[in-house]
Amino acid sequence: MAKRPSLAEKMRQAVTPDTPPAAPMAAIPVRPAAAPPQEPRRAAGMSGFYASTRAGKKKVTAPLDPATHKRLRQLALDKDTTSEALLIEAISDLFIKYGKPPIT
């Protein structure tokens, strides 16, 4: 079975059609890369930025209609805080309402 052509190589040829194709990757010697710095372990499939302040924490989500979401954001602006801080406060109040210890 023939090897599929490289999309990147085809794009390079489209930009500079007069240049000959590049040498195959196997001909270029490869040095082993240095070990990347240790990061907190992430769940499978997670990628992107990982804040160290959120290590060991879980996210909770709830669907809100756009008007309610806008009201939450506006309240956060009015109180000069974040939506996340308001949600943590609300969950803490919910725990107190049901006789559980508040979030510390």
N, C-alpha and C. Protein backbone atom coordinates (compact mmCIF):
# COMPACT_ATOMS: atom_id res chain seq x y z
N MET A 1 0.84 -1.18 0.00
CA MET A 1 0.00 0.00 0.00
C MET A 1 0.89 1.24 0.00
N ALA A 2 0.60 2.17 -0.87
CA ALA A 2 1.41 3.38 -1.00
C ALA A 2 1.13 4.34 0.15
N LYS A 3 2.15 5.08 0.55
CA LYS A 3 2.02 6.05 1.63
C LYS A 3 1.22 7.25 1.14
N ARG A 4 0.33 7.75 2.01
CA ARG A 4 -0.47 8.92 1.65
C ARG A 4 0.43 10.13 1.53
N PRO A 5 0.15 11.02 0.57
CA PRO A 5 0.97 12.22 0.45
C PRO A 5 0.74 13.16 1.64
N SER A 6 1.78 13.87 2.01
CA SER A 6 1.73 14.79 3.13
C SER A 6 0.96 16.06 2.75
N LEU A 7 -0.03 16.41 3.54
CA LEU A 7 -0.79 17.63 3.29
C LEU A 7 0.11 18.86 3.44
N ALA A 8 0.99 18.84 4.44
CA ALA A 8 1.91 19.96 4.65
C ALA A 8 2.81 20.15 3.43
N GLU A 9 3.28 19.04 2.88
CA GLU A 9 4.15 19.12 1.69
C GLU A 9 3.37 19.67 0.50
N LYS A 10 2.15 19.24 0.33
CA LYS A 10 1.33 19.75 -0.77
C LYS A 10 1.10 21.26 -0.63
N MET A 11 0.90 21.72 0.61
CA MET A 11 0.70 23.16 0.84
C MET A 11 1.98 23.93 0.52
N ARG A 12 3.14 23.38 0.92
CA ARG A 12 4.40 24.04 0.60
C ARG A 12 4.59 24.14 -0.91
N GLN A 13 4.27 23.09 -1.63
CA GLN A 13 4.41 23.09 -3.08
C GLN A 13 3.47 24.09 -3.73
N ALA A 14 2.29 24.27 -3.17
CA ALA A 14 1.33 25.22 -3.72
C ALA A 14 1.84 26.65 -3.57
N VAL A 15 2.55 26.92 -2.48
CA VAL A 15 3.09 28.27 -2.24
C VAL A 15 4.33 28.51 -3.09
N THR A 16 5.21 27.53 -3.18
CA THR A 16 6.45 27.64 -3.95
C THR A 16 6.54 26.46 -4.91
N PRO A 17 5.84 26.52 -6.06
CA PRO A 17 5.79 25.37 -6.96
C PRO A 17 7.11 25.06 -7.66
N ASP A 18 8.08 25.99 -7.68
CA ASP A 18 9.33 25.77 -8.39
C ASP A 18 10.34 24.96 -7.58
N THR A 19 10.13 24.80 -6.27
CA THR A 19 11.10 24.09 -5.46
C THR A 19 10.84 22.59 -5.51
N PRO A 20 11.90 21.78 -5.50
CA PRO A 20 11.71 20.33 -5.50
C PRO A 20 11.17 19.88 -4.15
N PRO A 21 10.57 18.70 -4.08
CA PRO A 21 10.05 18.21 -2.81
C PRO A 21 11.18 18.04 -1.80
N ALA A 22 10.86 18.21 -0.54
CA ALA A 22 11.83 18.11 0.55
C ALA A 22 12.28 16.67 0.71
N ALA A 23 13.45 16.51 1.34
CA ALA A 23 13.98 15.17 1.59
C ALA A 23 13.06 14.44 2.56
N PRO A 24 12.96 13.13 2.44
CA PRO A 24 12.11 12.38 3.37
C PRO A 24 12.60 12.55 4.80
N MET A 25 11.70 12.48 5.75
CA MET A 25 12.03 12.67 7.16
C MET A 25 12.99 11.61 7.67
N ALA A 26 12.98 10.43 7.10
CA ALA A 26 13.85 9.36 7.58
C ALA A 26 15.33 9.70 7.34
N ALA A 27 15.62 10.55 6.37
CA ALA A 27 17.01 10.89 6.06
C ALA A 27 17.58 11.91 7.04
N ILE A 28 16.75 12.58 7.80
CA ILE A 28 17.21 13.60 8.73
C ILE A 28 17.43 12.97 10.09
N PRO A 29 18.66 13.07 10.66
CA PRO A 29 18.88 12.48 11.97
C PRO A 29 18.06 13.23 13.04
N VAL A 30 17.53 12.48 13.98
CA VAL A 30 16.69 13.05 15.03
C VAL A 30 17.37 12.87 16.36
N ARG A 31 17.50 13.99 17.10
CA ARG A 31 18.06 13.92 18.45
C ARG A 31 16.91 13.72 19.43
N PRO A 32 17.12 12.96 20.50
CA PRO A 32 16.04 12.81 21.48
C PRO A 32 15.78 14.15 22.16
N ALA A 33 14.53 14.46 22.36
CA ALA A 33 14.14 15.72 23.00
C ALA A 33 14.37 15.64 24.50
N ALA A 34 14.61 16.79 25.10
CA ALA A 34 14.76 16.85 26.55
C ALA A 34 13.41 16.57 27.19
N ALA A 35 13.41 16.01 28.38
CA ALA A 35 12.16 15.70 29.08
C ALA A 35 11.41 16.99 29.39
N PRO A 36 10.11 17.03 29.13
CA PRO A 36 9.34 18.23 29.42
C PRO A 36 9.22 18.42 30.93
N PRO A 37 9.00 19.66 31.37
CA PRO A 37 8.86 19.89 32.81
C PRO A 37 7.63 19.17 33.34
N GLN A 38 7.71 18.75 34.59
CA GLN A 38 6.61 18.03 35.20
C GLN A 38 5.43 18.96 35.43
N GLU A 39 4.25 18.51 35.05
CA GLU A 39 3.02 19.25 35.26
C GLU A 39 2.07 18.39 36.08
N PRO A 40 1.07 19.00 36.72
CA PRO A 40 0.08 18.18 37.41
C PRO A 40 -0.59 17.24 36.41
N ARG A 41 -0.93 16.06 36.85
CA ARG A 41 -1.57 15.08 35.95
C ARG A 41 -2.96 15.56 35.61
N ARG A 42 -3.33 15.34 34.38
CA ARG A 42 -4.65 15.73 33.90
C ARG A 42 -5.45 14.48 33.56
N ALA A 43 -6.74 14.64 33.56
CA ALA A 43 -7.61 13.54 33.15
C ALA A 43 -7.42 13.29 31.67
N ALA A 44 -7.68 12.08 31.24
CA ALA A 44 -7.53 11.73 29.82
C ALA A 44 -8.42 12.62 28.98
N GLY A 45 -7.87 13.14 27.91
CA GLY A 45 -8.63 13.97 27.00
C GLY A 45 -8.59 15.45 27.33
N MET A 46 -8.09 15.83 28.48
CA MET A 46 -8.03 17.25 28.83
C MET A 46 -6.76 17.85 28.24
N SER A 47 -6.88 19.05 27.73
CA SER A 47 -5.71 19.72 27.21
C SER A 47 -5.87 21.20 27.46
N GLY A 48 -4.83 21.95 27.13
CA GLY A 48 -4.90 23.38 27.31
C GLY A 48 -4.34 23.82 28.65
N PHE A 49 -4.70 25.03 29.04
CA PHE A 49 -4.19 25.63 30.27
C PHE A 49 -4.73 24.91 31.50
N TYR A 50 -3.90 24.69 32.48
CA TYR A 50 -4.28 24.05 33.72
C TYR A 50 -3.77 24.91 34.87
N ALA A 51 -4.68 25.63 35.55
CA ALA A 51 -4.30 26.51 36.65
C ALA A 51 -3.94 25.68 37.88
N SER A 52 -2.78 25.94 38.46
CA SER A 52 -2.35 25.19 39.64
C SER A 52 -3.27 25.46 40.83
N THR A 53 -3.97 26.60 40.85
CA THR A 53 -4.90 26.89 41.94
C THR A 53 -6.13 26.01 41.88
N ARG A 54 -6.34 25.31 40.77
CA ARG A 54 -7.50 24.44 40.64
C ARG A 54 -7.13 22.97 40.72
N ALA A 55 -5.90 22.70 41.12
CA ALA A 55 -5.46 21.31 41.26
C ALA A 55 -6.30 20.62 42.33
N GLY A 56 -6.79 19.44 42.03
CA GLY A 56 -7.57 18.67 43.00
C GLY A 56 -9.00 19.12 43.12
N LYS A 57 -9.47 19.99 42.25
CA LYS A 57 -10.84 20.49 42.32
C LYS A 57 -11.63 19.97 41.13
N LYS A 58 -12.94 19.92 41.28
CA LYS A 58 -13.83 19.47 40.23
C LYS A 58 -14.73 20.62 39.81
N LYS A 59 -15.09 20.64 38.53
CA LYS A 59 -15.99 21.66 38.03
C LYS A 59 -17.43 21.18 38.16
N VAL A 60 -18.33 22.14 38.39
CA VAL A 60 -19.76 21.87 38.43
C VAL A 60 -20.40 22.82 37.44
N THR A 61 -21.29 22.30 36.61
CA THR A 61 -21.93 23.14 35.62
C THR A 61 -23.44 23.01 35.71
N ALA A 62 -24.11 24.02 35.24
CA ALA A 62 -25.57 24.00 35.18
C ALA A 62 -26.00 24.82 33.98
N PRO A 63 -26.99 24.34 33.25
CA PRO A 63 -27.47 25.11 32.10
C PRO A 63 -28.31 26.29 32.57
N LEU A 64 -28.04 27.45 32.03
CA LEU A 64 -28.80 28.66 32.34
C LEU A 64 -29.28 29.27 31.03
N ASP A 65 -30.47 29.86 31.07
CA ASP A 65 -30.90 30.56 29.87
C ASP A 65 -30.07 31.84 29.74
N PRO A 66 -29.95 32.38 28.54
CA PRO A 66 -29.08 33.54 28.32
C PRO A 66 -29.39 34.73 29.22
N ALA A 67 -30.67 34.98 29.49
CA ALA A 67 -31.03 36.14 30.34
C ALA A 67 -30.51 35.94 31.77
N THR A 68 -30.63 34.73 32.30
CA THR A 68 -30.14 34.45 33.65
C THR A 68 -28.62 34.53 33.71
N HIS A 69 -27.96 34.02 32.69
CA HIS A 69 -26.50 34.10 32.62
C HIS A 69 -26.05 35.55 32.60
N LYS A 70 -26.75 36.37 31.84
CA LYS A 70 -26.41 37.80 31.77
C LYS A 70 -26.63 38.47 33.12
N ARG A 71 -27.71 38.09 33.83
CA ARG A 71 -27.97 38.66 35.16
C ARG A 71 -26.86 38.28 36.14
N LEU A 72 -26.39 37.03 36.06
CA LEU A 72 -25.29 36.59 36.94
C LEU A 72 -24.03 37.38 36.66
N ARG A 73 -23.70 37.55 35.39
CA ARG A 73 -22.50 38.33 35.03
C ARG A 73 -22.64 39.78 35.48
N GLN A 74 -23.84 40.36 35.32
CA GLN A 74 -24.06 41.75 35.73
C GLN A 74 -23.94 41.89 37.24
N LEU A 75 -24.47 40.92 37.99
CA LEU A 75 -24.35 40.95 39.45
C LEU A 75 -22.88 40.89 39.86
N ALA A 76 -22.10 40.06 39.18
CA ALA A 76 -20.67 39.98 39.47
C ALA A 76 -19.99 41.32 39.21
N LEU A 77 -20.37 41.98 38.12
CA LEU A 77 -19.80 43.31 37.84
C LEU A 77 -20.21 44.31 38.90
N ASP A 78 -21.50 44.29 39.28
CA ASP A 78 -22.00 45.22 40.30
C ASP A 78 -21.29 45.04 41.63
N LYS A 79 -20.99 43.80 41.98
CA LYS A 79 -20.35 43.49 43.26
C LYS A 79 -18.82 43.49 43.16
N ASP A 80 -18.30 43.80 41.98
CA ASP A 80 -16.85 43.82 41.73
C ASP A 80 -16.19 42.50 42.12
N THR A 81 -16.78 41.41 41.64
CA THR A 81 -16.26 40.07 41.90
C THR A 81 -16.43 39.24 40.63
N THR A 82 -16.25 37.94 40.75
CA THR A 82 -16.40 37.06 39.59
C THR A 82 -17.67 36.22 39.72
N SER A 83 -18.13 35.71 38.60
CA SER A 83 -19.28 34.80 38.61
C SER A 83 -18.95 33.57 39.43
N GLU A 84 -17.71 33.10 39.31
CA GLU A 84 -17.27 31.92 40.06
C GLU A 84 -17.37 32.16 41.57
N ALA A 85 -16.97 33.33 42.03
CA ALA A 85 -17.05 33.64 43.46
C ALA A 85 -18.50 33.69 43.93
N LEU A 86 -19.39 34.24 43.10
CA LEU A 86 -20.81 34.27 43.45
C LEU A 86 -21.39 32.86 43.53
N LEU A 87 -20.99 31.99 42.61
CA LEU A 87 -21.49 30.62 42.62
C LEU A 87 -21.00 29.86 43.84
N ILE A 88 -19.74 30.07 44.23
CA ILE A 88 -19.21 29.43 45.43
C ILE A 88 -19.97 29.91 46.66
N GLU A 89 -20.26 31.21 46.72
CA GLU A 89 -21.04 31.77 47.82
C GLU A 89 -22.44 31.15 47.86
N ALA A 90 -23.07 31.01 46.70
CA ALA A 90 -24.41 30.44 46.62
C ALA A 90 -24.42 28.98 47.07
N ILE A 91 -23.42 28.21 46.66
CA ILE A 91 -23.34 26.80 47.06
C ILE A 91 -23.11 26.69 48.56
N SER A 92 -22.28 27.57 49.10
CA SER A 92 -22.04 27.59 50.54
C SER A 92 -23.34 27.88 51.29
N ASP A 93 -24.12 28.86 50.81
CA ASP A 93 -25.41 29.19 51.43
C ASP A 93 -26.39 28.02 51.32
N LEU A 94 -26.34 27.28 50.22
CA LEU A 94 -27.19 26.10 50.04
C LEU A 94 -26.84 25.03 51.06
N PHE A 95 -25.56 24.81 51.30
CA PHE A 95 -25.15 23.83 52.31
C PHE A 95 -25.67 24.23 53.69
N ILE A 96 -25.55 25.50 54.03
CA ILE A 96 -26.02 25.99 55.33
C ILE A 96 -27.53 25.77 55.43
N LYS A 97 -28.27 26.06 54.37
CA LYS A 97 -29.73 25.89 54.36
C LYS A 97 -30.12 24.45 54.69
N TYR A 98 -29.35 23.49 54.22
CA TYR A 98 -29.66 22.09 54.46
C TYR A 98 -28.87 21.47 55.60
N GLY A 99 -28.31 22.32 56.49
CA GLY A 99 -27.67 21.84 57.70
C GLY A 99 -26.30 21.21 57.50
N LYS A 100 -25.66 21.55 56.42
CA LYS A 100 -24.30 21.04 56.15
C LYS A 100 -23.29 22.14 56.42
N PRO A 101 -22.03 21.79 56.69
CA PRO A 101 -21.02 22.84 56.91
C PRO A 101 -20.76 23.63 55.62
N PRO A 102 -20.57 24.94 55.75
CA PRO A 102 -20.33 25.77 54.56
C PRO A 102 -18.97 25.49 53.94
N ILE A 103 -18.80 25.97 52.73
CA ILE A 103 -17.51 25.85 52.04
C ILE A 103 -16.52 26.75 52.76
N THR A 104 -15.33 26.25 53.02
CA THR A 104 -14.31 27.07 53.69
C THR A 104 -13.30 27.61 52.72
